[in-house]
Amino acid sequence: MKRYGIRIRLPEGSTLSMPHLLGADWESYRWYDSALERDKALADMQRDLPNYRKGDHVAQVLERVERDA
């Protein structure tokens, strides 16, 4: 089982958290075999996407998480 993860949530006040969209309690996880692999993915997820307009940013809250062994 992959132990090292990234928890993805919506920021407070996000329009996507409306009940008819994703909802206030929406979250997702991505899991990795090592902390290094997870940290590289996290750094990549935190950068601005090249297809966004200048000044636009991805609206997500990213958090490192680990499963108990």
PDB file of N, CA and C in Angstrom:
ATOM      1  N   MET A   1       0.839  -1.172   0.000  1.00  0.00           N
ATOM      2  CA  MET A   1       0.000   0.000   0.000  1.00  0.00           C
ATOM      3  C   MET A   1       0.889   1.241   0.000  1.00  0.00           C
ATOM      4  N   LYS A   2       0.530   2.201  -0.825  1.00  0.00           N
ATOM      5  CA  LYS A   2       1.289   3.442  -0.886  1.00  0.00           C
ATOM      6  C   LYS A   2       1.007   4.254   0.371  1.00  0.00           C
ATOM      7  N   ARG A   3       2.061   4.796   0.977  1.00  0.00           N
ATOM      8  CA  ARG A   3       1.942   5.404   2.292  1.00  0.00           C
ATOM      9  C   ARG A   3       1.940   6.932   2.281  1.00  0.00           C
ATOM     10  N   TYR A   4       2.585   7.554   1.302  1.00  0.00           N
ATOM     11  CA  TYR A   4       2.782   9.000   1.305  1.00  0.00           C
ATOM     12  C   TYR A   4       1.820   9.654   0.329  1.00  0.00           C
ATOM     13  N   GLY A   5       1.058  10.648   0.823  1.00  0.00           N
ATOM     14  CA  GLY A   5       0.026  11.210  -0.028  1.00  0.00           C
ATOM     15  C   GLY A   5      -0.057  12.716  -0.012  1.00  0.00           C
ATOM     16  N   ILE A   6      -0.898  13.199  -0.905  1.00  0.00           N
ATOM     17  CA  ILE A   6      -1.249  14.609  -0.991  1.00  0.00           C
ATOM     18  C   ILE A   6      -2.770  14.687  -0.894  1.00  0.00           C
ATOM     19  N   ARG A   7      -3.240  15.447   0.061  1.00  0.00           N
ATOM     20  CA  ARG A   7      -4.675  15.683   0.219  1.00  0.00           C
ATOM     21  C   ARG A   7      -5.002  16.968  -0.535  1.00  0.00           C
ATOM     22  N   ILE A   8      -6.025  16.925  -1.360  1.00  0.00           N
ATOM     23  CA  ILE A   8      -6.436  18.074  -2.165  1.00  0.00           C
ATOM     24  C   ILE A   8      -7.834  18.488  -1.713  1.00  0.00           C
ATOM     25  N   ARG A   9      -7.974  19.754  -1.330  1.00  0.00           N
ATOM     26  CA  ARG A   9      -9.262  20.300  -0.909  1.00  0.00           C
ATOM     27  C   ARG A   9      -9.507  21.624  -1.615  1.00  0.00           C
ATOM     28  N   LEU A  10     -10.722  22.119  -1.508  1.00  0.00           N
ATOM     29  CA  LEU A  10     -11.059  23.421  -2.060  1.00  0.00           C
ATOM     30  C   LEU A  10     -10.824  24.498  -0.999  1.00  0.00           C
ATOM     31  N   PRO A  11     -10.361  25.672  -1.402  1.00  0.00           N
ATOM     32  CA  PRO A  11     -10.191  26.753  -0.429  1.00  0.00           C
ATOM     33  C   PRO A  11     -11.546  27.269   0.049  1.00  0.00           C
ATOM     34  N   GLU A  12     -11.565  27.845   1.208  1.00  0.00           N
ATOM     35  CA  GLU A  12     -12.787  28.416   1.756  1.00  0.00           C
ATOM     36  C   GLU A  12     -13.318  29.479   0.793  1.00  0.00           C
ATOM     37  N   GLY A  13     -14.600  29.445   0.538  1.00  0.00           N
ATOM     38  CA  GLY A  13     -15.224  30.423  -0.338  1.00  0.00           C
ATOM     39  C   GLY A  13     -15.157  30.079  -1.819  1.00  0.00           C
ATOM     40  N   SER A  14     -14.615  28.936  -2.174  1.00  0.00           N
ATOM     41  CA  SER A  14     -14.532  28.531  -3.574  1.00  0.00           C
ATOM     42  C   SER A  14     -15.930  28.315  -4.134  1.00  0.00           C
ATOM     43  N   THR A  15     -16.179  28.793  -5.340  1.00  0.00           N
ATOM     44  CA  THR A  15     -17.487  28.591  -5.960  1.00  0.00           C
ATOM     45  C   THR A  15     -17.740  27.113  -6.252  1.00  0.00           C
ATOM     46  N   LEU A  16     -16.681  26.321  -6.415  1.00  0.00           N
ATOM     47  CA  LEU A  16     -16.861  24.886  -6.656  1.00  0.00           C
ATOM     48  C   LEU A  16     -17.374  24.141  -5.427  1.00  0.00           C
ATOM     49  N   SER A  17     -17.322  24.778  -4.246  1.00  0.00           N
ATOM     50  CA  SER A  17     -17.808  24.110  -3.030  1.00  0.00           C
ATOM     51  C   SER A  17     -19.316  24.253  -2.853  1.00  0.00           C
ATOM     52  N   MET A  18     -19.987  24.868  -3.811  1.00  0.00           N
ATOM     53  CA  MET A  18     -21.446  24.978  -3.728  1.00  0.00           C
ATOM     54  C   MET A  18     -22.063  23.580  -3.819  1.00  0.00           C
ATOM     55  N   PRO A  19     -23.201  23.360  -3.135  1.00  0.00           N
ATOM     56  CA  PRO A  19     -23.798  22.023  -3.062  1.00  0.00           C
ATOM     57  C   PRO A  19     -24.094  21.372  -4.414  1.00  0.00           C
ATOM     58  N   HIS A  20     -24.441  22.146  -5.412  1.00  0.00           N
ATOM     59  CA  HIS A  20     -24.773  21.555  -6.713  1.00  0.00           C
ATOM     60  C   HIS A  20     -23.524  21.303  -7.559  1.00  0.00           C
ATOM     61  N   LEU A  21     -22.362  21.654  -7.047  1.00  0.00           N
ATOM     62  CA  LEU A  21     -21.105  21.356  -7.740  1.00  0.00           C
ATOM     63  C   LEU A  21     -20.364  20.280  -6.951  1.00  0.00           C
ATOM     64  N   LEU A  22     -19.195  20.567  -6.399  1.00  0.00           N
ATOM     65  CA  LEU A  22     -18.439  19.530  -5.672  1.00  0.00           C
ATOM     66  C   LEU A  22     -18.861  19.404  -4.209  1.00  0.00           C
ATOM     67  N   GLY A  23     -19.352  20.474  -3.614  1.00  0.00           N
ATOM     68  CA  GLY A  23     -19.776  20.441  -2.218  1.00  0.00           C
ATOM     69  C   GLY A  23     -18.658  20.884  -1.285  1.00  0.00           C
ATOM     70  N   ALA A  24     -19.051  21.339  -0.109  1.00  0.00           N
ATOM     71  CA  ALA A  24     -18.102  21.894   0.866  1.00  0.00           C
ATOM     72  C   ALA A  24     -17.120  20.853   1.407  1.00  0.00           C
ATOM     73  N   ASP A  25     -17.496  19.594   1.429  1.00  0.00           N
ATOM     74  CA  ASP A  25     -16.639  18.556   2.015  1.00  0.00           C
ATOM     75  C   ASP A  25     -15.808  17.800   0.983  1.00  0.00           C
ATOM     76  N   TRP A  26     -15.753  18.291  -0.261  1.00  0.00           N
ATOM     77  CA  TRP A  26     -14.998  17.583  -1.301  1.00  0.00           C
ATOM     78  C   TRP A  26     -13.513  17.549  -0.962  1.00  0.00           C
ATOM     79  N   GLU A  27     -12.919  16.390  -1.190  1.00  0.00           N
ATOM     80  CA  GLU A  27     -11.473  16.221  -1.071  1.00  0.00           C
ATOM     81  C   GLU A  27     -11.060  15.032  -1.924  1.00  0.00           C
ATOM     82  N   SER A  28      -9.795  15.018  -2.275  1.00  0.00           N
ATOM     83  CA  SER A  28      -9.251  13.938  -3.075  1.00  0.00           C
ATOM     84  C   SER A  28      -7.840  13.662  -2.576  1.00  0.00           C
ATOM     85  N   TYR A  29      -7.350  12.466  -2.842  1.00  0.00           N
ATOM     86  CA  TYR A  29      -5.998  12.088  -2.418  1.00  0.00           C
ATOM     87  C   TYR A  29      -5.230  11.505  -3.594  1.00  0.00           C
ATOM     88  N   ARG A  30      -3.931  11.726  -3.598  1.00  0.00           N
ATOM     89  CA  ARG A  30      -3.015  11.049  -4.518  1.00  0.00           C
ATOM     90  C   ARG A  30      -1.943  10.411  -3.649  1.00  0.00           C
ATOM     91  N   TRP A  31      -1.652   9.137  -3.922  1.00  0.00           N
ATOM     92  CA  TRP A  31      -0.742   8.371  -3.076  1.00  0.00           C
ATOM     93  C   TRP A  31       0.527   7.977  -3.824  1.00  0.00           C
ATOM     94  N   TYR A  32       1.650   7.924  -3.085  1.00  0.00           N
ATOM     95  CA  TYR A  32       2.968   7.655  -3.665  1.00  0.00           C
ATOM     96  C   TYR A  32       3.728   6.664  -2.795  1.00  0.00           C
ATOM     97  N   ASP A  33       4.712   5.994  -3.404  1.00  0.00           N
ATOM     98  CA  ASP A  33       5.504   4.987  -2.699  1.00  0.00           C
ATOM     99  C   ASP A  33       6.514   5.592  -1.728  1.00  0.00           C
ATOM    100  N   SER A  34       6.998   6.801  -2.015  1.00  0.00           N
ATOM    101  CA  SER A  34       8.025   7.397  -1.153  1.00  0.00           C
ATOM    102  C   SER A  34       7.708   8.864  -0.897  1.00  0.00           C
ATOM    103  N   ALA A  35       8.291   9.383   0.192  1.00  0.00           N
ATOM    104  CA  ALA A  35       8.114  10.792   0.520  1.00  0.00           C
ATOM    105  C   ALA A  35       8.746  11.675  -0.556  1.00  0.00           C
ATOM    106  N   LEU A  36       9.870  11.244  -1.118  1.00  0.00           N
ATOM    107  CA  LEU A  36      10.538  12.019  -2.167  1.00  0.00           C
ATOM    108  C   LEU A  36       9.652  12.128  -3.405  1.00  0.00           C
ATOM    109  N   GLU A  37       9.061  11.012  -3.801  1.00  0.00           N
ATOM    110  CA  GLU A  37       8.158  11.003  -4.956  1.00  0.00           C
ATOM    111  C   GLU A  37       6.957  11.929  -4.706  1.00  0.00           C
ATOM    112  N   ARG A  38       6.407  11.865  -3.513  1.00  0.00           N
ATOM    113  CA  ARG A  38       5.281  12.726  -3.128  1.00  0.00           C
ATOM    114  C   ARG A  38       5.679  14.194  -3.154  1.00  0.00           C
ATOM    115  N   ASP A  39       6.849  14.519  -2.607  1.00  0.00           N
ATOM    116  CA  ASP A  39       7.282  15.910  -2.537  1.00  0.00           C
ATOM    117  C   ASP A  39       7.551  16.495  -3.923  1.00  0.00           C
ATOM    118  N   LYS A  40       8.058  15.686  -4.838  1.00  0.00           N
ATOM    119  CA  LYS A  40       8.254  16.149  -6.217  1.00  0.00           C
ATOM    120  C   LYS A  40       6.907  16.436  -6.872  1.00  0.00           C
ATOM    121  N   ALA A  41       5.936  15.557  -6.662  1.00  0.00           N
ATOM    122  CA  ALA A  41       4.598  15.752  -7.227  1.00  0.00           C
ATOM    123  C   ALA A  41       3.938  16.985  -6.616  1.00  0.00           C
ATOM    124  N   LEU A  42       4.127  17.192  -5.328  1.00  0.00           N
ATOM    125  CA  LEU A  42       3.547  18.349  -4.651  1.00  0.00           C
ATOM    126  C   LEU A  42       4.116  19.647  -5.227  1.00  0.00           C
ATOM    127  N   ALA A  43       5.426  19.696  -5.421  1.00  0.00           N
ATOM    128  CA  ALA A  43       6.056  20.883  -6.004  1.00  0.00           C
ATOM    129  C   ALA A  43       5.498  21.152  -7.397  1.00  0.00           C
ATOM    130  N   ASP A  44       5.295  20.103  -8.164  1.00  0.00           N
ATOM    131  CA  ASP A  44       4.744  20.258  -9.505  1.00  0.00           C
ATOM    132  C   ASP A  44       3.294  20.756  -9.451  1.00  0.00           C
ATOM    133  N   MET A  45       2.518  20.273  -8.495  1.00  0.00           N
ATOM    134  CA  MET A  45       1.116  20.671  -8.367  1.00  0.00           C
ATOM    135  C   MET A  45       0.973  22.119  -7.889  1.00  0.00           C
ATOM    136  N   GLN A  46       2.006  22.643  -7.212  1.00  0.00           N
ATOM    137  CA  GLN A  46       1.938  24.003  -6.671  1.00  0.00           C
ATOM    138  C   GLN A  46       2.329  25.070  -7.695  1.00  0.00           C
ATOM    139  N   ARG A  47       2.913  24.689  -8.791  1.00  0.00           N
ATOM    140  CA  ARG A  47       3.338  25.692  -9.779  1.00  0.00           C
ATOM    141  C   ARG A  47       2.144  26.154 -10.610  1.00  0.00           C
ATOM    142  N   ASP A  48       2.275  27.339 -11.181  1.00  0.00           N
ATOM    143  CA  ASP A  48       1.222  27.862 -12.051  1.00  0.00           C
ATOM    144  C   ASP A  48       1.208  27.080 -13.351  1.00  0.00           C
ATOM    145  N   LEU A  49       0.028  26.803 -13.856  1.00  0.00           N
ATOM    146  CA  LEU A  49      -0.105  26.055 -15.097  1.00  0.00           C
ATOM    147  C   LEU A  49       0.138  26.971 -16.295  1.00  0.00           C
ATOM    148  N   PRO A  50       0.839  26.488 -17.304  1.00  0.00           N
ATOM    149  CA  PRO A  50       1.183  27.351 -18.436  1.00  0.00           C
ATOM    150  C   PRO A  50      -0.017  27.794 -19.276  1.00  0.00           C
ATOM    151  N   ASN A  51      -1.129  27.077 -19.220  1.00  0.00           N
ATOM    152  CA  ASN A  51      -2.288  27.453 -20.033  1.00  0.00           C
ATOM    153  C   ASN A  51      -3.223  28.416 -19.309  1.00  0.00           C
ATOM    154  N   TYR A  52      -2.895  28.817 -18.089  1.00  0.00           N
ATOM    155  CA  TYR A  52      -3.679  29.814 -17.372  1.00  0.00           C
ATOM    156  C   TYR A  52      -3.222  31.211 -17.788  1.00  0.00           C
ATOM    157  N   ARG A  53      -4.088  32.185 -17.610  1.00  0.00           N
ATOM    158  CA  ARG A  53      -3.698  33.567 -17.873  1.00  0.00           C
ATOM    159  C   ARG A  53      -2.726  34.025 -16.782  1.00  0.00           C
ATOM    160  N   LYS A  54      -1.877  34.988 -17.109  1.00  0.00           N
ATOM    161  CA  LYS A  54      -0.961  35.540 -16.104  1.00  0.00           C
ATOM    162  C   LYS A  54      -1.777  36.074 -14.940  1.00  0.00           C
ATOM    163  N   GLY A  55      -1.363  35.743 -13.737  1.00  0.00           N
ATOM    164  CA  GLY A  55      -2.067  36.184 -12.541  1.00  0.00           C
ATOM    165  C   GLY A  55      -3.123  35.210 -12.054  1.00  0.00           C
ATOM    166  N   ASP A  56      -3.572  34.276 -12.888  1.00  0.00           N
ATOM    167  CA  ASP A  56      -4.538  33.264 -12.457  1.00  0.00           C
ATOM    168  C   ASP A  56      -3.799  32.135 -11.746  1.00  0.00           C
ATOM    169  N   HIS A  57      -4.423  31.576 -10.741  1.00  0.00           N
ATOM    170  CA  HIS A  57      -3.805  30.503  -9.965  1.00  0.00           C
ATOM    171  C   HIS A  57      -4.818  29.378  -9.745  1.00  0.00           C
ATOM    172  N   VAL A  58      -4.328  28.165  -9.608  1.00  0.00           N
ATOM    173  CA  VAL A  58      -5.184  27.029  -9.311  1.00  0.00           C
ATOM    174  C   VAL A  58      -5.740  27.219  -7.901  1.00  0.00           C
ATOM    175  N   ALA A  59      -7.038  27.073  -7.738  1.00  0.00           N
ATOM    176  CA  ALA A  59      -7.692  27.247  -6.439  1.00  0.00           C
ATOM    177  C   ALA A  59      -7.834  25.896  -5.758  1.00  0.00           C
ATOM    178  N   GLN A  60      -6.794  25.506  -5.028  1.00  0.00           N
ATOM    179  CA  GLN A  60      -6.821  24.247  -4.292  1.00  0.00           C
ATOM    180  C   GLN A  60      -5.915  24.361  -3.079  1.00  0.00           C
ATOM    181  N   VAL A  61      -6.229  23.578  -2.065  1.00  0.00           N
ATOM    182  CA  VAL A  61      -5.413  23.515  -0.858  1.00  0.00           C
ATOM    183  C   VAL A  61      -4.724  22.151  -0.872  1.00  0.00           C
ATOM    184  N   LEU A  62      -3.398  22.159  -0.842  1.00  0.00           N
ATOM    185  CA  LEU A  62      -2.613  20.921  -0.892  1.00  0.00           C
ATOM    186  C   LEU A  62      -1.966  20.684   0.462  1.00  0.00           C
ATOM    187  N   GLU A  63      -1.980  19.424   0.905  1.00  0.00           N
ATOM    188  CA  GLU A  63      -1.456  19.079   2.226  1.00  0.00           C
ATOM    189  C   GLU A  63      -0.775  17.721   2.162  1.00  0.00           C
ATOM    190  N   ARG A  64       0.438  17.632   2.726  1.00  0.00           N
ATOM    191  CA  ARG A  64       1.123  16.333   2.833  1.00  0.00           C
ATOM    192  C   ARG A  64       0.413  15.490   3.893  1.00  0.00           C
ATOM    193  N   VAL A  65       0.209  14.211   3.579  1.00  0.00           N
ATOM    194  CA  VAL A  65      -0.388  13.275   4.533  1.00  0.00           C
ATOM    195  C   VAL A  65       0.352  11.948   4.460  1.00  0.00           C
ATOM    196  N   GLU A  66       0.264  11.163   5.527  1.00  0.00           N
ATOM    197  CA  GLU A  66       0.863   9.825   5.559  1.00  0.00           C
ATOM    198  C   GLU A  66      -0.110   8.867   6.211  1.00  0.00           C
ATOM    199  N   ARG A  67      -0.158   7.670   5.648  1.00  0.00           N
ATOM    200  CA  ARG A  67      -0.952   6.603   6.246  1.00  0.00           C
ATOM    201  C   ARG A  67      -0.148   5.960   7.353  1.00  0.00           C
ATOM    202  N   ASP A  68      -0.824   5.443   8.345  1.00  0.00           N
ATOM    203  CA  ASP A  68      -0.141   4.685   9.393  1.00  0.00           C
ATOM    204  C   ASP A  68       0.401   3.401   8.797  1.00  0.00           C
ATOM    205  N   ALA A  69       1.565   3.005   9.245  1.00  0.00           N
ATOM    206  CA  ALA A  69       2.200   1.782   8.731  1.00  0.00           C
ATOM    207  C   ALA A  69       1.447   0.542   9.094  1.00  0.00           C
TER     208      ALA A  69
END
